[in-house]
Amino acid sequence: MTSSFLPRPLFLGAALLVTSMTPACVHHSCSPSGAVKSAAIAGNNDPRRATPDAALAAMKVGNARFLNADSKHHSDALQRVEATAKSQYPFASVIGCADSRTPPEVIFDAGIGEIFVCRVAGVASSVNDEASLEYGSAVLGVPAIVVLGHTGCGAMKAAIANKPLPGSLPHLVAQIRPAVKRAERIQPHADGSALLDAATREQVYGEILRLESSPVLGKLLHEGKLKIVGAIYHVGTGRVTWL
């Protein structure tokens, strides 16, 4: 055996050390004693929570990182689980579509405990979504809500087609149809992708108005503690455009 190999006693010792490591030490930064270090969480002092504009700026920077393939890998995800087990301090809320291509945490490059999220097909919110977002801002202190539509939305396409559908889908489409009608009035000659884009924007605007009518959110808006803004995610590029 050449000298490039460990002597047998040292080899066995090294093997024993590796196999005796806990999963926590494999996946986390460990102290010499093997204790898992908690992820650094800014909590309520997170500067992104300081103002609505700070939160929105952080969302824009996060999408830029995503677009530039410079996303945080969140290798500390399990540490963040531990660090956020007893409390959460998200810096923004997102209500978006249930479409599997539109996960807000990925789009805005955010980790566990950073974004408060509601998702429903077509961004056709209900009273439960409204209540959730009220909780996010009034109780958790979230200073910004993003209503996030997206290109190529299947629910929006169904609302434009307005054909018979099974199950509960007619109820969903009925909530989206007013946005389609507004888009048709605004752009009477639009069809195909142009109508889809216009109706999607109208759906976002309609959801913003709905949320602004909430007494809870309205009070925070009046006090300057909250902003509600609209955005469109482009499924073909990953880019978010702001309305």
C-alpha atoms as a PDB file:
ATOM      1  CA  MET A   1       0.000   0.000   0.000  1.00  0.00           C
ATOM      2  CA  THR A   2       1.360   3.410  -0.921  1.00  0.00           C
ATOM      3  CA  SER A   3       1.826   6.270   1.506  1.00  0.00           C
ATOM      4  CA  SER A   4      -1.114   8.152  -0.064  1.00  0.00           C
ATOM      5  CA  PHE A   5      -3.541   6.065   1.993  1.00  0.00           C
ATOM      6  CA  LEU A   6      -4.213   6.538   5.695  1.00  0.00           C
ATOM      7  CA  PRO A   7      -2.725   3.942   8.020  1.00  0.00           C
ATOM      8  CA  ARG A   8      -5.424   1.478   9.054  1.00  0.00           C
ATOM      9  CA  PRO A   9      -5.869   2.794  12.646  1.00  0.00           C
ATOM     10  CA  LEU A  10      -6.279   6.364  11.413  1.00  0.00           C
ATOM     11  CA  PHE A  11      -8.589   5.254   8.584  1.00  0.00           C
ATOM     12  CA  LEU A  12     -10.846   3.417  11.025  1.00  0.00           C
ATOM     13  CA  GLY A  13     -10.834   6.392  13.357  1.00  0.00           C
ATOM     14  CA  ALA A  14     -11.806   8.768  10.578  1.00  0.00           C
ATOM     15  CA  ALA A  15     -14.571   6.448   9.424  1.00  0.00           C
ATOM     16  CA  LEU A  16     -15.931   6.215  12.950  1.00  0.00           C
ATOM     17  CA  LEU A  17     -15.912  10.001  13.254  1.00  0.00           C
ATOM     18  CA  VAL A  18     -17.857  10.451  10.006  1.00  0.00           C
ATOM     19  CA  THR A  19     -20.457   7.792  10.774  1.00  0.00           C
ATOM     20  CA  SER A  20     -20.979   9.137  14.278  1.00  0.00           C
ATOM     21  CA  MET A  21     -21.824  12.642  13.047  1.00  0.00           C
ATOM     22  CA  THR A  22     -25.468  13.537  13.552  1.00  0.00           C
ATOM     23  CA  PRO A  23     -27.578  14.640  10.573  1.00  0.00           C
ATOM     24  CA  ALA A  24     -27.628  18.102  12.121  1.00  0.00           C
ATOM     25  CA  CYS A  25     -23.857  18.366  11.814  1.00  0.00           C
ATOM     26  CA  VAL A  26     -23.969  17.219   8.213  1.00  0.00           C
ATOM     27  CA  HIS A  27     -26.536  19.814   7.169  1.00  0.00           C
ATOM     28  CA  HIS A  28     -25.831  22.683   9.579  1.00  0.00           C
ATOM     29  CA  SER A  29     -22.910  24.697  10.822  1.00  0.00           C
ATOM     30  CA  CYS A  30     -21.902  22.999  14.046  1.00  0.00           C
ATOM     31  CA  SER A  31     -19.849  24.132  16.942  1.00  0.00           C
ATOM     32  CA  PRO A  32     -16.901  21.930  17.992  1.00  0.00           C
ATOM     33  CA  SER A  33     -19.204  20.347  20.553  1.00  0.00           C
ATOM     34  CA  GLY A  34     -21.654  19.361  17.812  1.00  0.00           C
ATOM     35  CA  ALA A  35     -24.372  21.817  18.849  1.00  0.00           C
ATOM     36  CA  VAL A  36     -26.315  23.263  15.950  1.00  0.00           C
ATOM     37  CA  LYS A  37     -25.977  27.002  15.547  1.00  0.00           C
ATOM     38  CA  SER A  38     -29.233  28.912  15.007  1.00  0.00           C
ATOM     39  CA  ALA A  39     -29.626  30.908  11.819  1.00  0.00           C
ATOM     40  CA  ALA A  40     -29.320  34.647  12.270  1.00  0.00           C
ATOM     41  CA  ILE A  41     -32.876  36.020  12.071  1.00  0.00           C
ATOM     42  CA  ALA A  42     -33.398  39.775  12.139  1.00  0.00           C
ATOM     43  CA  GLY A  43     -36.874  39.358  13.624  1.00  0.00           C
ATOM     44  CA  ASN A  44     -38.884  42.479  14.327  1.00  0.00           C
ATOM     45  CA  ASN A  45     -35.782  44.603  13.773  1.00  0.00           C
ATOM     46  CA  ASP A  46     -35.485  43.459  10.154  1.00  0.00           C
ATOM     47  CA  PRO A  47     -34.927  46.703   8.188  1.00  0.00           C
ATOM     48  CA  ARG A  48     -37.156  45.332   5.429  1.00  0.00           C
ATOM     49  CA  ARG A  49     -40.069  45.645   7.868  1.00  0.00           C
ATOM     50  CA  ALA A  50     -39.319  49.280   8.724  1.00  0.00           C
ATOM     51  CA  THR A  51     -41.559  50.836   6.039  1.00  0.00           C
ATOM     52  CA  PRO A  52     -43.766  49.709   3.155  1.00  0.00           C
ATOM     53  CA  ASP A  53     -41.223  51.091   0.682  1.00  0.00           C
ATOM     54  CA  ALA A  54     -38.391  49.152   2.328  1.00  0.00           C
ATOM     55  CA  ALA A  55     -40.393  45.930   2.032  1.00  0.00           C
ATOM     56  CA  LEU A  56     -41.232  46.530  -1.628  1.00  0.00           C
ATOM     57  CA  ALA A  57     -37.633  47.421  -2.422  1.00  0.00           C
ATOM     58  CA  ALA A  58     -36.549  44.115  -0.890  1.00  0.00           C
ATOM     59  CA  MET A  59     -39.075  42.257  -3.049  1.00  0.00           C
ATOM     60  CA  LYS A  60     -37.702  43.929  -6.179  1.00  0.00           C
ATOM     61  CA  VAL A  61     -34.121  43.135  -5.216  1.00  0.00           C
ATOM     62  CA  GLY A  62     -35.111  39.517  -4.538  1.00  0.00           C
ATOM     63  CA  ASN A  63     -36.640  39.131  -7.988  1.00  0.00           C
ATOM     64  CA  ALA A  64     -33.511  40.671  -9.491  1.00  0.00           C
ATOM     65  CA  ARG A  65     -31.381  38.050  -7.730  1.00  0.00           C
ATOM     66  CA  PHE A  66     -33.691  35.343  -9.073  1.00  0.00           C
ATOM     67  CA  LEU A  67     -33.421  36.706 -12.610  1.00  0.00           C
ATOM     68  CA  ASN A  68     -29.631  36.924 -12.389  1.00  0.00           C
ATOM     69  CA  ALA A  69     -29.323  33.324 -11.177  1.00  0.00           C
ATOM     70  CA  ASP A  70     -27.928  34.757  -7.951  1.00  0.00           C
ATOM     71  CA  SER A  71     -30.607  33.419  -5.617  1.00  0.00           C
ATOM     72  CA  LYS A  72     -29.742  32.591  -2.071  1.00  0.00           C
ATOM     73  CA  HIS A  73     -29.599  28.835  -1.808  1.00  0.00           C
ATOM     74  CA  HIS A  74     -31.147  28.903   1.670  1.00  0.00           C
ATOM     75  CA  SER A  75     -28.757  26.229   2.827  1.00  0.00           C
ATOM     76  CA  ASP A  76     -29.711  27.392   6.307  1.00  0.00           C
ATOM     77  CA  ALA A  77     -33.377  26.399   5.819  1.00  0.00           C
ATOM     78  CA  LEU A  78     -33.413  23.872   8.651  1.00  0.00           C
ATOM     79  CA  GLN A  79     -31.718  26.373  10.920  1.00  0.00           C
ATOM     80  CA  ARG A  80     -34.415  28.893  10.007  1.00  0.00           C
ATOM     81  CA  VAL A  81     -37.032  26.307  10.978  1.00  0.00           C
ATOM     82  CA  GLU A  82     -35.540  26.229  14.451  1.00  0.00           C
ATOM     83  CA  ALA A  83     -35.099  29.987  14.638  1.00  0.00           C
ATOM     84  CA  THR A  84     -38.702  30.738  13.596  1.00  0.00           C
ATOM     85  CA  ALA A  85     -40.371  27.963  15.597  1.00  0.00           C
ATOM     86  CA  LYS A  86     -41.788  30.322  18.235  1.00  0.00           C
ATOM     87  CA  SER A  87     -42.385  33.478  16.207  1.00  0.00           C
ATOM     88  CA  GLN A  88     -42.514  34.876  12.688  1.00  0.00           C
ATOM     89  CA  TYR A  89     -41.661  38.309  11.328  1.00  0.00           C
ATOM     90  CA  PRO A  90     -42.414  38.305   7.580  1.00  0.00           C
ATOM     91  CA  PHE A  91     -41.536  41.512   5.769  1.00  0.00           C
ATOM     92  CA  ALA A  92     -44.172  41.204   3.020  1.00  0.00           C
ATOM     93  CA  SER A  93     -47.382  39.399   2.131  1.00  0.00           C
ATOM     94  CA  VAL A  94     -48.269  38.004  -1.280  1.00  0.00           C
ATOM     95  CA  ILE A  95     -51.619  36.899  -2.562  1.00  0.00           C
ATOM     96  CA  GLY A  96     -51.093  35.103  -5.843  1.00  0.00           C
ATOM     97  CA  CYS A  97     -52.289  32.318  -8.086  1.00  0.00           C
ATOM     98  CA  ALA A  98     -52.158  28.635  -7.136  1.00  0.00           C
ATOM     99  CA  ASP A  99     -50.340  27.901 -10.417  1.00  0.00           C
ATOM    100  CA  SER A 100     -47.346  25.658  -9.671  1.00  0.00           C
ATOM    101  CA  ARG A 101     -45.092  27.906 -11.747  1.00  0.00           C
ATOM    102  CA  THR A 102     -45.574  30.929  -9.501  1.00  0.00           C
ATOM    103  CA  PRO A 103     -44.142  30.243  -5.999  1.00  0.00           C
ATOM    104  CA  PRO A 104     -43.584  33.656  -4.372  1.00  0.00           C
ATOM    105  CA  GLU A 105     -40.752  32.488  -2.126  1.00  0.00           C
ATOM    106  CA  VAL A 106     -38.774  31.455  -5.210  1.00  0.00           C
ATOM    107  CA  ILE A 107     -39.755  34.402  -7.408  1.00  0.00           C
ATOM    108  CA  PHE A 108     -38.716  36.892  -4.719  1.00  0.00           C
ATOM    109  CA  ASP A 109     -35.839  34.796  -3.391  1.00  0.00           C
ATOM    110  CA  ALA A 110     -37.121  34.626   0.179  1.00  0.00           C
ATOM    111  CA  GLY A 111     -36.681  32.009   2.874  1.00  0.00           C
ATOM    112  CA  ILE A 112     -38.746  30.443   5.633  1.00  0.00           C
ATOM    113  CA  GLY A 113     -40.491  33.066   7.737  1.00  0.00           C
ATOM    114  CA  GLU A 114     -39.901  35.945   5.303  1.00  0.00           C
ATOM    115  CA  ILE A 115     -43.089  36.120   3.188  1.00  0.00           C
ATOM    116  CA  PHE A 116     -46.694  35.605   4.325  1.00  0.00           C
ATOM    117  CA  VAL A 117     -48.462  33.885   1.409  1.00  0.00           C
ATOM    118  CA  CYS A 118     -52.017  33.228   0.244  1.00  0.00           C
ATOM    119  CA  ARG A 119     -52.604  31.471  -3.079  1.00  0.00           C
ATOM    120  CA  VAL A 120     -55.778  30.746  -5.040  1.00  0.00           C
ATOM    121  CA  ALA A 121     -56.417  30.105  -8.735  1.00  0.00           C
ATOM    122  CA  GLY A 122     -56.813  33.315 -10.698  1.00  0.00           C
ATOM    123  CA  VAL A 123     -56.063  35.367  -7.574  1.00  0.00           C
ATOM    124  CA  ALA A 124     -59.811  35.125  -6.954  1.00  0.00           C
ATOM    125  CA  SER A 125     -59.662  35.796  -3.230  1.00  0.00           C
ATOM    126  CA  SER A 126     -62.309  35.002  -0.653  1.00  0.00           C
ATOM    127  CA  VAL A 127     -63.084  36.338   2.800  1.00  0.00           C
ATOM    128  CA  ASN A 128     -60.627  33.799   4.206  1.00  0.00           C
ATOM    129  CA  ASP A 129     -57.780  35.235   2.153  1.00  0.00           C
ATOM    130  CA  GLU A 130     -58.740  38.736   3.210  1.00  0.00           C
ATOM    131  CA  ALA A 131     -58.789  37.685   6.856  1.00  0.00           C
ATOM    132  CA  SER A 132     -55.392  36.027   6.473  1.00  0.00           C
ATOM    133  CA  LEU A 133     -53.868  39.179   5.008  1.00  0.00           C
ATOM    134  CA  GLU A 134     -55.479  41.261   7.758  1.00  0.00           C
ATOM    135  CA  TYR A 135     -53.789  39.000  10.279  1.00  0.00           C
ATOM    136  CA  GLY A 136     -50.489  39.349   8.444  1.00  0.00           C
ATOM    137  CA  SER A 137     -50.497  43.138   8.614  1.00  0.00           C
ATOM    138  CA  ALA A 138     -52.459  43.897  11.800  1.00  0.00           C
ATOM    139  CA  VAL A 139     -50.958  41.169  13.977  1.00  0.00           C
ATOM    140  CA  LEU A 140     -47.631  40.241  12.383  1.00  0.00           C
ATOM    141  CA  GLY A 141     -46.826  43.787  11.300  1.00  0.00           C
ATOM    142  CA  VAL A 142     -46.340  43.145   7.583  1.00  0.00           C
ATOM    143  CA  PRO A 143     -45.964  46.567   5.884  1.00  0.00           C
ATOM    144  CA  ALA A 144     -46.599  45.578   2.247  1.00  0.00           C
ATOM    145  CA  ILE A 145     -49.028  43.344   0.368  1.00  0.00           C
ATOM    146  CA  VAL A 146     -48.353  42.330  -3.228  1.00  0.00           C
ATOM    147  CA  VAL A 147     -51.263  41.144  -5.373  1.00  0.00           C
ATOM    148  CA  LEU A 148     -49.462  38.946  -7.882  1.00  0.00           C
ATOM    149  CA  GLY A 149     -51.073  37.942 -11.164  1.00  0.00           C
ATOM    150  CA  HIS A 150     -49.209  36.087 -13.884  1.00  0.00           C
ATOM    151  CA  THR A 151     -49.112  35.596 -17.627  1.00  0.00           C
ATOM    152  CA  GLY A 152     -50.791  32.581 -19.192  1.00  0.00           C
ATOM    153  CA  CYS A 153     -53.169  32.035 -16.266  1.00  0.00           C
ATOM    154  CA  GLY A 154     -55.480  29.064 -16.876  1.00  0.00           C
ATOM    155  CA  ALA A 155     -58.208  30.429 -14.610  1.00  0.00           C
ATOM    156  CA  MET A 156     -58.208  33.701 -16.527  1.00  0.00           C
ATOM    157  CA  LYS A 157     -58.419  31.791 -19.827  1.00  0.00           C
ATOM    158  CA  ALA A 158     -61.427  29.864 -18.512  1.00  0.00           C
ATOM    159  CA  ALA A 159     -63.114  33.094 -17.473  1.00  0.00           C
ATOM    160  CA  ILE A 160     -62.562  34.566 -20.943  1.00  0.00           C
ATOM    161  CA  ALA A 161     -63.899  31.420 -22.660  1.00  0.00           C
ATOM    162  CA  ASN A 162     -66.874  31.401 -20.261  1.00  0.00           C
ATOM    163  CA  LYS A 163     -67.922  27.856 -21.119  1.00  0.00           C
ATOM    164  CA  PRO A 164     -69.703  25.316 -18.870  1.00  0.00           C
ATOM    165  CA  LEU A 165     -67.363  23.753 -16.311  1.00  0.00           C
ATOM    166  CA  PRO A 166     -67.749  20.961 -13.742  1.00  0.00           C
ATOM    167  CA  GLY A 167     -67.729  21.037  -9.972  1.00  0.00           C
ATOM    168  CA  SER A 168     -66.865  24.263  -8.192  1.00  0.00           C
ATOM    169  CA  LEU A 169     -65.082  25.805 -11.174  1.00  0.00           C
ATOM    170  CA  PRO A 170     -68.124  27.893 -12.248  1.00  0.00           C
ATOM    171  CA  HIS A 171     -68.023  29.638  -8.873  1.00  0.00           C
ATOM    172  CA  LEU A 172     -64.335  30.459  -9.348  1.00  0.00           C
ATOM    173  CA  VAL A 173     -64.844  31.718 -12.891  1.00  0.00           C
ATOM    174  CA  ALA A 174     -67.793  33.855 -11.781  1.00  0.00           C
ATOM    175  CA  GLN A 175     -65.441  35.751  -9.468  1.00  0.00           C
ATOM    176  CA  ILE A 176     -63.079  36.463 -12.352  1.00  0.00           C
ATOM    177  CA  ARG A 177     -65.655  37.362 -15.022  1.00  0.00           C
ATOM    178  CA  PRO A 178     -66.034  41.001 -13.845  1.00  0.00           C
ATOM    179  CA  ALA A 179     -62.331  41.559 -14.585  1.00  0.00           C
ATOM    180  CA  VAL A 180     -62.817  40.129 -18.071  1.00  0.00           C
ATOM    181  CA  LYS A 181     -65.793  42.423 -18.716  1.00  0.00           C
ATOM    182  CA  ARG A 182     -63.819  45.468 -17.556  1.00  0.00           C
ATOM    183  CA  ALA A 183     -60.960  44.517 -19.861  1.00  0.00           C
ATOM    184  CA  GLU A 184     -63.390  44.128 -22.786  1.00  0.00           C
ATOM    185  CA  ARG A 185     -64.825  47.586 -22.119  1.00  0.00           C
ATOM    186  CA  ILE A 186     -61.385  49.186 -21.841  1.00  0.00           C
ATOM    187  CA  GLN A 187     -60.007  47.394 -24.915  1.00  0.00           C
ATOM    188  CA  PRO A 188     -63.052  46.495 -27.036  1.00  0.00           C
ATOM    189  CA  HIS A 189     -60.958  45.279 -29.965  1.00  0.00           C
ATOM    190  CA  ALA A 190     -58.528  43.183 -27.925  1.00  0.00           C
ATOM    191  CA  ASP A 191     -58.554  39.443 -28.341  1.00  0.00           C
ATOM    192  CA  GLY A 192     -56.294  36.474 -27.689  1.00  0.00           C
ATOM    193  CA  SER A 193     -53.196  37.269 -25.649  1.00  0.00           C
ATOM    194  CA  ALA A 194     -53.969  40.994 -25.496  1.00  0.00           C
ATOM    195  CA  LEU A 195     -57.329  40.345 -23.831  1.00  0.00           C
ATOM    196  CA  LEU A 196     -55.765  37.796 -21.487  1.00  0.00           C
ATOM    197  CA  ASP A 197     -53.111  40.287 -20.388  1.00  0.00           C
ATOM    198  CA  ALA A 198     -55.657  43.062 -19.924  1.00  0.00           C
ATOM    199  CA  ALA A 199     -58.038  40.841 -17.950  1.00  0.00           C
ATOM    200  CA  THR A 200     -55.197  39.655 -15.726  1.00  0.00           C
ATOM    201  CA  ARG A 201     -54.271  43.242 -14.903  1.00  0.00           C
ATOM    202  CA  GLU A 202     -57.908  44.055 -14.189  1.00  0.00           C
ATOM    203  CA  GLN A 203     -58.154  41.076 -11.866  1.00  0.00           C
ATOM    204  CA  VAL A 204     -55.142  42.347  -9.922  1.00  0.00           C
ATOM    205  CA  TYR A 205     -56.587  45.875  -9.748  1.00  0.00           C
ATOM    206  CA  GLY A 206     -59.907  44.464  -8.559  1.00  0.00           C
ATOM    207  CA  GLU A 207     -58.233  42.502  -5.797  1.00  0.00           C
ATOM    208  CA  ILE A 208     -56.351  45.593  -4.671  1.00  0.00           C
ATOM    209  CA  LEU A 209     -59.644  47.503  -4.390  1.00  0.00           C
ATOM    210  CA  ARG A 210     -61.176  44.620  -2.456  1.00  0.00           C
ATOM    211  CA  LEU A 211     -58.343  44.612   0.044  1.00  0.00           C
ATOM    212  CA  GLU A 212     -58.344  48.387   0.357  1.00  0.00           C
ATOM    213  CA  SER A 213     -62.020  48.203   1.364  1.00  0.00           C
ATOM    214  CA  SER A 214     -61.136  46.128   4.434  1.00  0.00           C
ATOM    215  CA  PRO A 215     -61.577  48.271   7.572  1.00  0.00           C
ATOM    216  CA  VAL A 216     -58.519  46.645   9.117  1.00  0.00           C
ATOM    217  CA  LEU A 217     -56.235  47.148   6.125  1.00  0.00           C
ATOM    218  CA  GLY A 218     -57.806  50.511   5.306  1.00  0.00           C
ATOM    219  CA  LYS A 219     -56.824  51.864   8.718  1.00  0.00           C
ATOM    220  CA  LEU A 220     -53.208  50.756   8.223  1.00  0.00           C
ATOM    221  CA  LEU A 221     -53.187  52.312   4.750  1.00  0.00           C
ATOM    222  CA  HIS A 222     -54.492  55.588   6.134  1.00  0.00           C
ATOM    223  CA  GLU A 223     -51.801  55.572   8.828  1.00  0.00           C
ATOM    224  CA  GLY A 224     -49.048  54.997   6.256  1.00  0.00           C
ATOM    225  CA  LYS A 225     -48.132  51.664   7.803  1.00  0.00           C
ATOM    226  CA  LEU A 226     -49.140  49.598   4.764  1.00  0.00           C
ATOM    227  CA  LYS A 227     -49.044  49.651   0.983  1.00  0.00           C
ATOM    228  CA  ILE A 228     -50.956  47.310  -1.319  1.00  0.00           C
ATOM    229  CA  VAL A 229     -49.493  47.055  -4.811  1.00  0.00           C
ATOM    230  CA  GLY A 230     -50.065  44.962  -7.910  1.00  0.00           C
ATOM    231  CA  ALA A 231     -47.582  43.029 -10.004  1.00  0.00           C
ATOM    232  CA  ILE A 232     -47.490  40.565 -12.882  1.00  0.00           C
ATOM    233  CA  TYR A 233     -45.133  37.586 -12.975  1.00  0.00           C
ATOM    234  CA  HIS A 234     -44.022  36.513 -16.442  1.00  0.00           C
ATOM    235  CA  VAL A 235     -43.894  32.729 -16.514  1.00  0.00           C
ATOM    236  CA  GLY A 236     -41.684  32.704 -19.587  1.00  0.00           C
ATOM    237  CA  THR A 237     -38.916  34.884 -18.191  1.00  0.00           C
ATOM    238  CA  GLY A 238     -39.183  34.950 -14.395  1.00  0.00           C
ATOM    239  CA  ARG A 239     -39.509  38.723 -14.366  1.00  0.00           C
ATOM    240  CA  VAL A 240     -41.982  40.616 -12.201  1.00  0.00           C
ATOM    241  CA  THR A 241     -43.397  43.861 -13.578  1.00  0.00           C
ATOM    242  CA  TRP A 242     -45.036  46.271 -11.147  1.00  0.00           C
ATOM    243  CA  LEU A 243     -48.373  47.954 -11.801  1.00  0.00           C
END
